[in-house]
Amino acid sequence: MPAGSSSVIYPKGTKFNMDYYLSTHMPLVYKNWSQFGLKGWSVVQFPDDSEYCVQAILEWESEDSSKKALTSDTVSTVMDDVKNFADKAPTFLSGKVVGSS
């Protein structure tokens, strides 16, 4: 079970290139942030009537792992790539995993 989890959520109405996101951006995220404890990721695409269109779920070794990644020099590489697949900025939420099955 991961000890930390982050959600990166894109709002409804975002022009979103899912092919680029899955083939280029998410591997870029993993390449840059695995050194800080990123263990894996998954992507959810929501139905059209949802408030959001896409969510990435990042699994971390610890709650502090995401903090280290987001304060590292690599954050600019990851965030500068957003313009290549989305026309709106995401909401980023992180926390400690307190239960799972």
PDB file of N, CA and C in Angstrom:
ATOM      1  N   MET A   1       0.850  -1.187   0.000  1.00  0.00           N
ATOM      2  CA  MET A   1       0.000   0.000   0.000  1.00  0.00           C
ATOM      3  C   MET A   1       0.889   1.242   0.000  1.00  0.00           C
ATOM      4  N   PRO A   2       0.618   2.199  -0.900  1.00  0.00           N
ATOM      5  CA  PRO A   2       1.392   3.436  -0.873  1.00  0.00           C
ATOM      6  C   PRO A   2       1.069   4.223   0.389  1.00  0.00           C
ATOM      7  N   ALA A   3       2.029   4.970   0.876  1.00  0.00           N
ATOM      8  CA  ALA A   3       1.818   5.768   2.072  1.00  0.00           C
ATOM      9  C   ALA A   3       1.345   7.175   1.745  1.00  0.00           C
ATOM     10  N   GLY A   4       1.529   7.589   0.500  1.00  0.00           N
ATOM     11  CA  GLY A   4       1.085   8.903   0.074  1.00  0.00           C
ATOM     12  C   GLY A   4       0.373   8.811  -1.261  1.00  0.00           C
ATOM     13  N   SER A   5      -0.540   9.738  -1.496  1.00  0.00           N
ATOM     14  CA  SER A   5      -1.286   9.752  -2.746  1.00  0.00           C
ATOM     15  C   SER A   5      -1.509  11.194  -3.184  1.00  0.00           C
ATOM     16  N   SER A   6      -1.418  11.418  -4.476  1.00  0.00           N
ATOM     17  CA  SER A   6      -1.718  12.729  -5.045  1.00  0.00           C
ATOM     18  C   SER A   6      -2.726  12.553  -6.162  1.00  0.00           C
ATOM     19  N   SER A   7      -3.622  13.519  -6.271  1.00  0.00           N
ATOM     20  CA  SER A   7      -4.566  13.567  -7.383  1.00  0.00           C
ATOM     21  C   SER A   7      -4.318  14.850  -8.158  1.00  0.00           C
ATOM     22  N   VAL A   8      -4.224  14.723  -9.464  1.00  0.00           N
ATOM     23  CA  VAL A   8      -4.081  15.866 -10.357  1.00  0.00           C
ATOM     24  C   VAL A   8      -5.349  15.859 -11.204  1.00  0.00           C
ATOM     25  N   ILE A   9      -6.202  16.868 -11.000  1.00  0.00           N
ATOM     26  CA  ILE A   9      -7.554  16.841 -11.554  1.00  0.00           C
ATOM     27  C   ILE A   9      -7.750  18.009 -12.524  1.00  0.00           C
ATOM     28  N   TYR A  10      -8.194  17.687 -13.733  1.00  0.00           N
ATOM     29  CA  TYR A  10      -8.433  18.695 -14.763  1.00  0.00           C
ATOM     30  C   TYR A  10      -9.925  18.984 -14.859  1.00  0.00           C
ATOM     31  N   PRO A  11     -10.302  20.288 -14.905  1.00  0.00           N
ATOM     32  CA  PRO A  11     -11.721  20.651 -14.899  1.00  0.00           C
ATOM     33  C   PRO A  11     -12.425  20.326 -16.214  1.00  0.00           C
ATOM     34  N   LYS A  12     -13.724  20.153 -16.090  1.00  0.00           N
ATOM     35  CA  LYS A  12     -14.598  19.950 -17.258  1.00  0.00           C
ATOM     36  C   LYS A  12     -14.354  21.082 -18.254  1.00  0.00           C
ATOM     37  N   GLY A  13     -14.375  20.748 -19.515  1.00  0.00           N
ATOM     38  CA  GLY A  13     -14.190  21.761 -20.546  1.00  0.00           C
ATOM     39  C   GLY A  13     -12.748  21.966 -20.966  1.00  0.00           C
ATOM     40  N   THR A  14     -11.825  21.266 -20.323  1.00  0.00           N
ATOM     41  CA  THR A  14     -10.418  21.359 -20.708  1.00  0.00           C
ATOM     42  C   THR A  14     -10.228  20.686 -22.063  1.00  0.00           C
ATOM     43  N   LYS A  15      -9.559  21.374 -22.985  1.00  0.00           N
ATOM     44  CA  LYS A  15      -9.147  20.722 -24.232  1.00  0.00           C
ATOM     45  C   LYS A  15      -7.964  19.841 -23.858  1.00  0.00           C
ATOM     46  N   PHE A  16      -8.130  18.531 -23.987  1.00  0.00           N
ATOM     47  CA  PHE A  16      -7.188  17.572 -23.408  1.00  0.00           C
ATOM     48  C   PHE A  16      -6.770  16.538 -24.448  1.00  0.00           C
ATOM     49  N   ASN A  17      -5.463  16.382 -24.629  1.00  0.00           N
ATOM     50  CA  ASN A  17      -4.926  15.393 -25.561  1.00  0.00           C
ATOM     51  C   ASN A  17      -4.523  14.146 -24.770  1.00  0.00           C
ATOM     52  N   MET A  18      -5.438  13.196 -24.667  1.00  0.00           N
ATOM     53  CA  MET A  18      -5.207  11.996 -23.862  1.00  0.00           C
ATOM     54  C   MET A  18      -4.058  11.150 -24.412  1.00  0.00           C
ATOM     55  N   ASP A  19      -3.936  11.051 -25.725  1.00  0.00           N
ATOM     56  CA  ASP A  19      -2.848  10.251 -26.299  1.00  0.00           C
ATOM     57  C   ASP A  19      -1.486  10.784 -25.853  1.00  0.00           C
ATOM     58  N   TYR A  20      -1.306  12.094 -25.949  1.00  0.00           N
ATOM     59  CA  TYR A  20      -0.048  12.708 -25.512  1.00  0.00           C
ATOM     60  C   TYR A  20       0.160  12.503 -24.011  1.00  0.00           C
ATOM     61  N   TYR A  21      -0.899  12.696 -23.263  1.00  0.00           N
ATOM     62  CA  TYR A  21      -0.825  12.577 -21.804  1.00  0.00           C
ATOM     63  C   TYR A  21      -0.324  11.198 -21.389  1.00  0.00           C
ATOM     64  N   LEU A  22      -0.896  10.158 -21.990  1.00  0.00           N
ATOM     65  CA  LEU A  22      -0.532   8.789 -21.622  1.00  0.00           C
ATOM     66  C   LEU A  22       0.820   8.363 -22.188  1.00  0.00           C
ATOM     67  N   SER A  23       1.138   8.791 -23.394  1.00  0.00           N
ATOM     68  CA  SER A  23       2.365   8.307 -24.037  1.00  0.00           C
ATOM     69  C   SER A  23       3.598   9.145 -23.727  1.00  0.00           C
ATOM     70  N   THR A  24       3.395  10.422 -23.373  1.00  0.00           N
ATOM     71  CA  THR A  24       4.539  11.318 -23.167  1.00  0.00           C
ATOM     72  C   THR A  24       4.578  11.925 -21.767  1.00  0.00           C
ATOM     73  N   HIS A  25       3.468  12.562 -21.352  1.00  0.00           N
ATOM     74  CA  HIS A  25       3.512  13.289 -20.084  1.00  0.00           C
ATOM     75  C   HIS A  25       3.654  12.378 -18.867  1.00  0.00           C
ATOM     76  N   MET A  26       2.829  11.364 -18.761  1.00  0.00           N
ATOM     77  CA  MET A  26       2.907  10.509 -17.570  1.00  0.00           C
ATOM     78  C   MET A  26       4.244   9.765 -17.477  1.00  0.00           C
ATOM     79  N   PRO A  27       4.825   9.270 -18.581  1.00  0.00           N
ATOM     80  CA  PRO A  27       6.181   8.723 -18.479  1.00  0.00           C
ATOM     81  C   PRO A  27       7.210   9.784 -18.051  1.00  0.00           C
ATOM     82  N   LEU A  28       7.008  11.042 -18.482  1.00  0.00           N
ATOM     83  CA  LEU A  28       7.881  12.136 -18.053  1.00  0.00           C
ATOM     84  C   LEU A  28       7.766  12.359 -16.548  1.00  0.00           C
ATOM     85  N   VAL A  29       6.539  12.330 -16.043  1.00  0.00           N
ATOM     86  CA  VAL A  29       6.304  12.459 -14.600  1.00  0.00           C
ATOM     87  C   VAL A  29       7.048  11.354 -13.854  1.00  0.00           C
ATOM     88  N   TYR A  30       6.873  10.127 -14.306  1.00  0.00           N
ATOM     89  CA  TYR A  30       7.514   8.998 -13.622  1.00  0.00           C
ATOM     90  C   TYR A  30       9.041   9.091 -13.693  1.00  0.00           C
ATOM     91  N   LYS A  31       9.562   9.443 -14.846  1.00  0.00           N
ATOM     92  CA  LYS A  31      11.016   9.562 -15.016  1.00  0.00           C
ATOM     93  C   LYS A  31      11.606  10.595 -14.054  1.00  0.00           C
ATOM     94  N   ASN A  32      10.913  11.722 -13.894  1.00  0.00           N
ATOM     95  CA  ASN A  32      11.431  12.805 -13.061  1.00  0.00           C
ATOM     96  C   ASN A  32      11.153  12.630 -11.578  1.00  0.00           C
ATOM     97  N   TRP A  33      10.060  11.960 -11.230  1.00  0.00           N
ATOM     98  CA  TRP A  33       9.666  11.914  -9.822  1.00  0.00           C
ATOM     99  C   TRP A  33       9.853  10.569  -9.141  1.00  0.00           C
ATOM    100  N   SER A  34      10.208   9.539  -9.877  1.00  0.00           N
ATOM    101  CA  SER A  34      10.451   8.241  -9.220  1.00  0.00           C
ATOM    102  C   SER A  34      11.627   8.329  -8.257  1.00  0.00           C
ATOM    103  N   GLN A  35      12.590   9.195  -8.551  1.00  0.00           N
ATOM    104  CA  GLN A  35      13.732   9.372  -7.650  1.00  0.00           C
ATOM    105  C   GLN A  35      13.320   9.932  -6.285  1.00  0.00           C
ATOM    106  N   PHE A  36      12.143  10.524  -6.202  1.00  0.00           N
ATOM    107  CA  PHE A  36      11.639  11.074  -4.940  1.00  0.00           C
ATOM    108  C   PHE A  36      10.641  10.143  -4.260  1.00  0.00           C
ATOM    109  N   GLY A  37      10.376   8.985  -4.866  1.00  0.00           N
ATOM    110  CA  GLY A  37       9.476   8.023  -4.241  1.00  0.00           C
ATOM    111  C   GLY A  37       8.165   7.792  -4.953  1.00  0.00           C
ATOM    112  N   LEU A  38       8.015   8.278  -6.186  1.00  0.00           N
ATOM    113  CA  LEU A  38       6.810   7.963  -6.957  1.00  0.00           C
ATOM    114  C   LEU A  38       6.861   6.491  -7.331  1.00  0.00           C
ATOM    115  N   LYS A  39       5.852   5.738  -6.912  1.00  0.00           N
ATOM    116  CA  LYS A  39       5.819   4.287  -7.132  1.00  0.00           C
ATOM    117  C   LYS A  39       5.003   3.889  -8.362  1.00  0.00           C
ATOM    118  N   GLY A  40       4.026   4.689  -8.721  1.00  0.00           N
ATOM    119  CA  GLY A  40       3.183   4.361  -9.860  1.00  0.00           C
ATOM    120  C   GLY A  40       2.115   5.419 -10.060  1.00  0.00           C
ATOM    121  N   TRP A  41       1.382   5.265 -11.147  1.00  0.00           N
ATOM    122  CA  TRP A  41       0.316   6.215 -11.465  1.00  0.00           C
ATOM    123  C   TRP A  41      -0.811   5.504 -12.206  1.00  0.00           C
ATOM    124  N   SER A  42      -1.977   6.127 -12.180  1.00  0.00           N
ATOM    125  CA  SER A  42      -3.110   5.682 -12.979  1.00  0.00           C
ATOM    126  C   SER A  42      -3.876   6.919 -13.435  1.00  0.00           C
ATOM    127  N   VAL A  43      -4.631   6.760 -14.511  1.00  0.00           N
ATOM    128  CA  VAL A  43      -5.380   7.883 -15.074  1.00  0.00           C
ATOM    129  C   VAL A  43      -6.843   7.476 -15.209  1.00  0.00           C
ATOM    130  N   VAL A  44      -7.729   8.365 -14.777  1.00  0.00           N
ATOM    131  CA  VAL A  44      -9.175   8.152 -14.854  1.00  0.00           C
ATOM    132  C   VAL A  44      -9.759   9.205 -15.790  1.00  0.00           C
ATOM    133  N   GLN A  45     -10.594   8.772 -16.736  1.00  0.00           N
ATOM    134  CA  GLN A  45     -11.322   9.700 -17.594  1.00  0.00           C
ATOM    135  C   GLN A  45     -12.780   9.690 -17.151  1.00  0.00           C
ATOM    136  N   PHE A  46     -13.295  10.877 -16.811  1.00  0.00           N
ATOM    137  CA  PHE A  46     -14.648  10.990 -16.286  1.00  0.00           C
ATOM    138  C   PHE A  46     -15.675  11.186 -17.403  1.00  0.00           C
ATOM    139  N   PRO A  47     -16.951  10.845 -17.134  1.00  0.00           N
ATOM    140  CA  PRO A  47     -18.006  11.063 -18.135  1.00  0.00           C
ATOM    141  C   PRO A  47     -18.246  12.557 -18.361  1.00  0.00           C
ATOM    142  N   ASP A  48     -18.878  12.878 -19.468  1.00  0.00           N
ATOM    143  CA  ASP A  48     -19.096  14.270 -19.865  1.00  0.00           C
ATOM    144  C   ASP A  48     -19.880  15.087 -18.849  1.00  0.00           C
ATOM    145  N   ASP A  49     -20.734  14.463 -18.035  1.00  0.00           N
ATOM    146  CA  ASP A  49     -21.549  15.217 -17.078  1.00  0.00           C
ATOM    147  C   ASP A  49     -20.845  15.442 -15.737  1.00  0.00           C
ATOM    148  N   SER A  50     -19.588  15.074 -15.626  1.00  0.00           N
ATOM    149  CA  SER A  50     -18.820  15.276 -14.399  1.00  0.00           C
ATOM    150  C   SER A  50     -18.257  16.701 -14.352  1.00  0.00           C
ATOM    151  N   GLU A  51     -17.889  17.162 -13.161  1.00  0.00           N
ATOM    152  CA  GLU A  51     -17.246  18.470 -13.009  1.00  0.00           C
ATOM    153  C   GLU A  51     -15.808  18.456 -13.515  1.00  0.00           C
ATOM    154  N   TYR A  52     -15.252  17.267 -13.679  1.00  0.00           N
ATOM    155  CA  TYR A  52     -13.863  17.105 -14.097  1.00  0.00           C
ATOM    156  C   TYR A  52     -13.803  16.191 -15.310  1.00  0.00           C
ATOM    157  N   CYS A  53     -12.727  16.310 -16.085  1.00  0.00           N
ATOM    158  CA  CYS A  53     -12.603  15.443 -17.264  1.00  0.00           C
ATOM    159  C   CYS A  53     -11.576  14.334 -17.059  1.00  0.00           C
ATOM    160  N   VAL A  54     -10.487  14.624 -16.353  1.00  0.00           N
ATOM    161  CA  VAL A  54      -9.399  13.658 -16.184  1.00  0.00           C
ATOM    162  C   VAL A  54      -8.793  13.809 -14.799  1.00  0.00           C
ATOM    163  N   GLN A  55      -8.387  12.674 -14.241  1.00  0.00           N
ATOM    164  CA  GLN A  55      -7.676  12.656 -12.962  1.00  0.00           C
ATOM    165  C   GLN A  55      -6.493  11.697 -13.080  1.00  0.00           C
ATOM    166  N   ALA A  56      -5.332  12.171 -12.668  1.00  0.00           N
ATOM    167  CA  ALA A  56      -4.178  11.283 -12.513  1.00  0.00           C
ATOM    168  C   ALA A  56      -4.019  11.014 -11.024  1.00  0.00           C
ATOM    169  N   ILE A  57      -3.808   9.760 -10.676  1.00  0.00           N
ATOM    170  CA  ILE A  57      -3.582   9.364  -9.290  1.00  0.00           C
ATOM    171  C   ILE A  57      -2.137   8.894  -9.195  1.00  0.00           C
ATOM    172  N   LEU A  58      -1.360   9.570  -8.361  1.00  0.00           N
ATOM    173  CA  LEU A  58       0.051   9.252  -8.177  1.00  0.00           C
ATOM    174  C   LEU A  58       0.228   8.571  -6.831  1.00  0.00           C
ATOM    175  N   GLU A  59       0.927   7.445  -6.814  1.00  0.00           N
ATOM    176  CA  GLU A  59       1.176   6.700  -5.578  1.00  0.00           C
ATOM    177  C   GLU A  59       2.625   6.906  -5.157  1.00  0.00           C
ATOM    178  N   TRP A  60       2.808   7.297  -3.887  1.00  0.00           N
ATOM    179  CA  TRP A  60       4.123   7.659  -3.358  1.00  0.00           C
ATOM    180  C   TRP A  60       4.539   6.736  -2.219  1.00  0.00           C
ATOM    181  N   GLU A  61       5.843   6.623  -2.014  1.00  0.00           N
ATOM    182  CA  GLU A  61       6.381   5.853  -0.887  1.00  0.00           C
ATOM    183  C   GLU A  61       5.936   6.440   0.444  1.00  0.00           C
ATOM    184  N   SER A  62       5.869   7.772   0.500  1.00  0.00           N
ATOM    185  CA  SER A  62       5.485   8.449   1.737  1.00  0.00           C
ATOM    186  C   SER A  62       4.781   9.755   1.396  1.00  0.00           C
ATOM    187  N   GLU A  63       4.142  10.324   2.383  1.00  0.00           N
ATOM    188  CA  GLU A  63       3.478  11.612   2.192  1.00  0.00           C
ATOM    189  C   GLU A  63       4.507  12.687   1.840  1.00  0.00           C
ATOM    190  N   ASP A  64       5.698  12.586   2.425  1.00  0.00           N
ATOM    191  CA  ASP A  64       6.756  13.560   2.151  1.00  0.00           C
ATOM    192  C   ASP A  64       7.342  13.429   0.751  1.00  0.00           C
ATOM    193  N   SER A  65       7.201  12.264   0.133  1.00  0.00           N
ATOM    194  CA  SER A  65       7.757  12.059  -1.208  1.00  0.00           C
ATOM    195  C   SER A  65       7.205  13.068  -2.207  1.00  0.00           C
ATOM    196  N   SER A  66       5.905  13.293  -2.180  1.00  0.00           N
ATOM    197  CA  SER A  66       5.316  14.248  -3.127  1.00  0.00           C
ATOM    198  C   SER A  66       5.803  15.663  -2.841  1.00  0.00           C
ATOM    199  N   LYS A  67       5.974  16.000  -1.575  1.00  0.00           N
ATOM    200  CA  LYS A  67       6.487  17.332  -1.218  1.00  0.00           C
ATOM    201  C   LYS A  67       7.888  17.529  -1.771  1.00  0.00           C
ATOM    202  N   LYS A  68       8.716  16.489  -1.675  1.00  0.00           N
ATOM    203  CA  LYS A  68      10.082  16.573  -2.206  1.00  0.00           C
ATOM    204  C   LYS A  68      10.058  16.773  -3.719  1.00  0.00           C
ATOM    205  N   ALA A  69       9.208  16.031  -4.407  1.00  0.00           N
ATOM    206  CA  ALA A  69       9.117  16.163  -5.867  1.00  0.00           C
ATOM    207  C   ALA A  69       8.653  17.562  -6.264  1.00  0.00           C
ATOM    208  N   LEU A  70       7.648  18.080  -5.560  1.00  0.00           N
ATOM    209  CA  LEU A  70       7.067  19.373  -5.920  1.00  0.00           C
ATOM    210  C   LEU A  70       7.945  20.560  -5.558  1.00  0.00           C
ATOM    211  N   THR A  71       8.971  20.336  -4.754  1.00  0.00           N
ATOM    212  CA  THR A  71       9.904  21.414  -4.421  1.00  0.00           C
ATOM    213  C   THR A  71      11.266  21.199  -5.081  1.00  0.00           C
ATOM    214  N   SER A  72      11.362  20.209  -5.947  1.00  0.00           N
ATOM    215  CA  SER A  72      12.627  19.910  -6.620  1.00  0.00           C
ATOM    216  C   SER A  72      12.767  20.728  -7.906  1.00  0.00           C
ATOM    217  N   ASP A  73      13.957  20.680  -8.472  1.00  0.00           N
ATOM    218  CA  ASP A  73      14.203  21.347  -9.751  1.00  0.00           C
ATOM    219  C   ASP A  73      13.416  20.711 -10.891  1.00  0.00           C
ATOM    220  N   THR A  74      12.968  19.471 -10.712  1.00  0.00           N
ATOM    221  CA  THR A  74      12.268  18.752 -11.779  1.00  0.00           C
ATOM    222  C   THR A  74      10.828  19.225 -11.973  1.00  0.00           C
ATOM    223  N   VAL A  75      10.287  19.953 -11.015  1.00  0.00           N
ATOM    224  CA  VAL A  75       8.878  20.358 -11.116  1.00  0.00           C
ATOM    225  C   VAL A  75       8.645  21.235 -12.348  1.00  0.00           C
ATOM    226  N   SER A  76       9.608  22.070 -12.701  1.00  0.00           N
ATOM    227  CA  SER A  76       9.418  22.928 -13.878  1.00  0.00           C
ATOM    228  C   SER A  76       9.358  22.102 -15.163  1.00  0.00           C
ATOM    229  N   THR A  77      10.151  21.035 -15.254  1.00  0.00           N
ATOM    230  CA  THR A  77      10.115  20.160 -16.429  1.00  0.00           C
ATOM    231  C   THR A  77       8.731  19.540 -16.583  1.00  0.00           C
ATOM    232  N   VAL A  78       8.184  19.063 -15.485  1.00  0.00           N
ATOM    233  CA  VAL A  78       6.867  18.418 -15.510  1.00  0.00           C
ATOM    234  C   VAL A  78       5.769  19.441 -15.794  1.00  0.00           C
ATOM    235  N   MET A  79       5.779  20.550 -15.087  1.00  0.00           N
ATOM    236  CA  MET A  79       4.700  21.526 -15.231  1.00  0.00           C
ATOM    237  C   MET A  79       4.754  22.271 -16.565  1.00  0.00           C
ATOM    238  N   ASP A  80       5.953  22.493 -17.100  1.00  0.00           N
ATOM    239  CA  ASP A  80       6.067  23.166 -18.397  1.00  0.00           C
ATOM    240  C   ASP A  80       5.477  22.329 -19.529  1.00  0.00           C
ATOM    241  N   ASP A  81       5.327  21.035 -19.314  1.00  0.00           N
ATOM    242  CA  ASP A  81       4.780  20.148 -20.340  1.00  0.00           C
ATOM    243  C   ASP A  81       3.252  20.193 -20.409  1.00  0.00           C
ATOM    244  N   VAL A  82       2.601  20.730 -19.386  1.00  0.00           N
ATOM    245  CA  VAL A  82       1.128  20.738 -19.331  1.00  0.00           C
ATOM    246  C   VAL A  82       0.529  21.421 -20.555  1.00  0.00           C
ATOM    247  N   LYS A  83       1.157  22.485 -21.017  1.00  0.00           N
ATOM    248  CA  LYS A  83       0.633  23.225 -22.182  1.00  0.00           C
ATOM    249  C   LYS A  83       0.581  22.370 -23.444  1.00  0.00           C
ATOM    250  N   ASN A  84       1.299  21.256 -23.455  1.00  0.00           N
ATOM    251  CA  ASN A  84       1.316  20.379 -24.627  1.00  0.00           C
ATOM    252  C   ASN A  84       0.106  19.447 -24.718  1.00  0.00           C
ATOM    253  N   PHE A  85      -0.698  19.375 -23.643  1.00  0.00           N
ATOM    254  CA  PHE A  85      -1.864  18.476 -23.685  1.00  0.00           C
ATOM    255  C   PHE A  85      -3.124  19.057 -23.066  1.00  0.00           C
ATOM    256  N   ALA A  86      -3.036  20.190 -22.359  1.00  0.00           N
ATOM    257  CA  ALA A  86      -4.230  20.757 -21.713  1.00  0.00           C
ATOM    258  C   ALA A  86      -4.206  22.278 -21.807  1.00  0.00           C
ATOM    259  N   ASP A  87      -5.386  22.867 -21.975  1.00  0.00           N
ATOM    260  CA  ASP A  87      -5.468  24.323 -22.049  1.00  0.00           C
ATOM    261  C   ASP A  87      -5.920  24.953 -20.731  1.00  0.00           C
ATOM    262  N   LYS A  88      -6.057  24.144 -19.691  1.00  0.00           N
ATOM    263  CA  LYS A  88      -6.399  24.652 -18.357  1.00  0.00           C
ATOM    264  C   LYS A  88      -5.486  23.993 -17.334  1.00  0.00           C
ATOM    265  N   ALA A  89      -5.203  24.722 -16.273  1.00  0.00           N
ATOM    266  CA  ALA A  89      -4.343  24.195 -15.210  1.00  0.00           C
ATOM    267  C   ALA A  89      -5.124  23.212 -14.339  1.00  0.00           C
ATOM    268  N   PRO A  90      -4.448  22.197 -13.818  1.00  0.00           N
ATOM    269  CA  PRO A  90      -5.107  21.233 -12.942  1.00  0.00           C
ATOM    270  C   PRO A  90      -5.130  21.698 -11.495  1.00  0.00           C
ATOM    271  N   THR A  91      -5.945  21.023 -10.711  1.00  0.00           N
ATOM    272  CA  THR A  91      -5.913  21.132  -9.252  1.00  0.00           C
ATOM    273  C   THR A  91      -5.080  19.962  -8.751  1.00  0.00           C
ATOM    274  N   PHE A  92      -4.192  20.240  -7.809  1.00  0.00           N
ATOM    275  CA  PHE A  92      -3.291  19.214  -7.284  1.00  0.00           C
ATOM    276  C   PHE A  92      -3.587  19.014  -5.800  1.00  0.00           C
ATOM    277  N   LEU A  93      -3.921  17.782  -5.412  1.00  0.00           N
ATOM    278  CA  LEU A  93      -4.220  17.442  -4.018  1.00  0.00           C
ATOM    279  C   LEU A  93      -3.303  16.309  -3.585  1.00  0.00           C
ATOM    280  N   SER A  94      -2.749  16.407  -2.377  1.00  0.00           N
ATOM    281  CA  SER A  94      -1.879  15.343  -1.854  1.00  0.00           C
ATOM    282  C   SER A  94      -2.231  15.052  -0.413  1.00  0.00           C
ATOM    283  N   GLY A  95      -1.989  13.801  -0.010  1.00  0.00           N
ATOM    284  CA  GLY A  95      -2.239  13.436   1.378  1.00  0.00           C
ATOM    285  C   GLY A  95      -1.701  12.067   1.717  1.00  0.00           C
ATOM    286  N   LYS A  96      -1.912  11.695   2.950  1.00  0.00           N
ATOM    287  CA  LYS A  96      -1.472  10.406   3.476  1.00  0.00           C
ATOM    288  C   LYS A  96      -2.576   9.381   3.266  1.00  0.00           C
ATOM    289  N   VAL A  97      -2.208   8.200   2.786  1.00  0.00           N
ATOM    290  CA  VAL A  97      -3.171   7.113   2.629  1.00  0.00           C
ATOM    291  C   VAL A  97      -3.435   6.521   4.012  1.00  0.00           C
ATOM    292  N   VAL A  98      -4.699   6.490   4.426  1.00  0.00           N
ATOM    293  CA  VAL A  98      -5.052   5.981   5.754  1.00  0.00           C
ATOM    294  C   VAL A  98      -5.815   4.664   5.696  1.00  0.00           C
ATOM    295  N   GLY A  99      -6.112   4.187   4.497  1.00  0.00           N
ATOM    296  CA  GLY A  99      -6.788   2.899   4.363  1.00  0.00           C
ATOM    297  C   GLY A  99      -6.921   2.520   2.911  1.00  0.00           C
ATOM    298  N   SER A 100      -6.928   1.234   2.655  1.00  0.00           N
ATOM    299  CA  SER A 100      -7.163   0.725   1.301  1.00  0.00           C
ATOM    300  C   SER A 100      -7.452  -0.766   1.384  1.00  0.00           C
ATOM    301  N   SER A 101      -7.870  -1.354   0.276  1.00  0.00           N
ATOM    302  CA  SER A 101      -8.092  -2.806   0.252  1.00  0.00           C
ATOM    303  C   SER A 101      -7.475  -3.391  -0.991  1.00  0.00           C
TER     304      SER A 101
END
